[in-house]
Protein backbone atom coordinates (compact mmCIF):
# COMPACT_ATOMS: atom_id res chain seq x y z
CA UNK A 1 0.02 -0.09 0.03
CA UNK A 2 1.55 3.70 -1.28
CA UNK A 3 0.25 5.30 2.21
CA UNK A 4 2.35 2.59 4.34
CA UNK A 5 5.59 4.22 2.23
CA UNK A 6 4.91 7.76 1.75
CA UNK A 7 4.55 9.63 5.00
CA UNK A 8 1.69 12.21 4.85
CA UNK A 9 0.30 15.02 7.13
CA UNK A 10 -2.77 14.82 8.28
CA UNK A 11 -4.13 17.12 5.38
CA UNK A 12 -2.82 15.16 2.98
CA UNK A 13 -3.67 11.78 4.14
CA UNK A 14 -7.32 13.60 4.27
CA UNK A 15 -6.89 14.74 0.44
CA UNK A 16 -6.47 10.70 -0.06
CA UNK A 17 -9.17 9.37 1.94
CA UNK A 18 -12.01 12.30 1.10
CA UNK A 19 -11.60 12.91 -2.08
CA UNK A 20 -11.81 16.26 -4.20
CA UNK A 21 -13.41 18.60 -1.46
CA UNK A 22 -10.46 17.48 0.48
CA UNK A 23 -8.05 17.67 -2.19
CA UNK A 24 -9.28 20.81 -3.24
CA UNK A 25 -8.81 22.38 0.57
CA UNK A 26 -5.40 21.28 0.90
CA UNK A 27 -4.66 22.97 -2.52
CA UNK A 28 -5.84 26.59 -1.18
CA UNK A 29 -3.62 25.90 1.81
CA UNK A 30 -0.71 25.72 -0.32
CA UNK A 31 -1.29 28.36 -2.90
CA UNK A 32 0.95 30.19 -0.13
CA UNK A 33 3.47 27.47 0.50
CA UNK A 34 7.23 27.94 -1.38
CA UNK A 35 7.70 25.11 -3.98
CA UNK A 36 11.42 23.49 -3.34
CA UNK A 37 12.55 26.08 -6.23
CA UNK A 38 11.26 29.02 -3.92
CA UNK A 39 8.40 30.79 -5.96
CA UNK A 40 5.10 29.90 -4.40
CA UNK A 41 1.95 28.68 -6.95
CA UNK A 42 0.46 32.07 -6.61
CA UNK A 43 3.73 33.99 -7.29
CA UNK A 44 4.42 31.60 -10.42
CA UNK A 45 0.48 32.49 -11.14
CA UNK A 46 -0.57 28.86 -11.24
CA UNK A 47 -4.46 28.96 -10.26
CA UNK A 48 -4.61 26.12 -7.25
CA UNK A 49 -7.60 24.35 -9.64
CA UNK A 50 -4.61 24.13 -12.37
CA UNK A 51 -3.49 20.68 -11.50
CA UNK A 52 -7.05 19.07 -9.88
CA UNK A 53 -7.54 15.94 -11.84
CA UNK A 54 -10.80 13.59 -11.48
CA UNK A 55 -10.78 11.10 -9.19
CA UNK A 56 -11.78 8.45 -9.83
CA UNK A 57 -12.91 5.21 -7.69
CA UNK A 58 -10.84 1.96 -9.08
CA UNK A 59 -12.31 -1.42 -8.42
CA UNK A 60 -10.31 -4.44 -9.25
CA UNK A 61 -13.64 -6.79 -11.10
CA UNK A 62 -12.91 -10.06 -11.90
CA UNK A 63 -12.55 -10.72 -15.82
CA UNK A 64 -15.46 -11.09 -17.87
CA UNK A 65 -14.91 -12.81 -20.66
CA UNK A 66 -12.16 -15.55 -21.19
CA UNK A 67 -8.03 -14.70 -22.12
CA UNK A 68 -7.57 -13.94 -25.38
CA UNK A 69 -11.04 -12.84 -26.36
CA UNK A 70 -12.22 -9.32 -26.05
């Protein structure tokens, strides 16, 4: 499990567990936090929502067709 290998803050964990709303709140809070290069997302001019991608619940299901057939 990836969460066991990457330490997350409570806000980051909520963004993973609680979905889009928590992710949006985390990105809003990070707007004025400097990136490793120094500037903040606000200084760069990147809106907080520019990096949002849809969160899709992925569930592994057994194959419905026989191997080798579409």
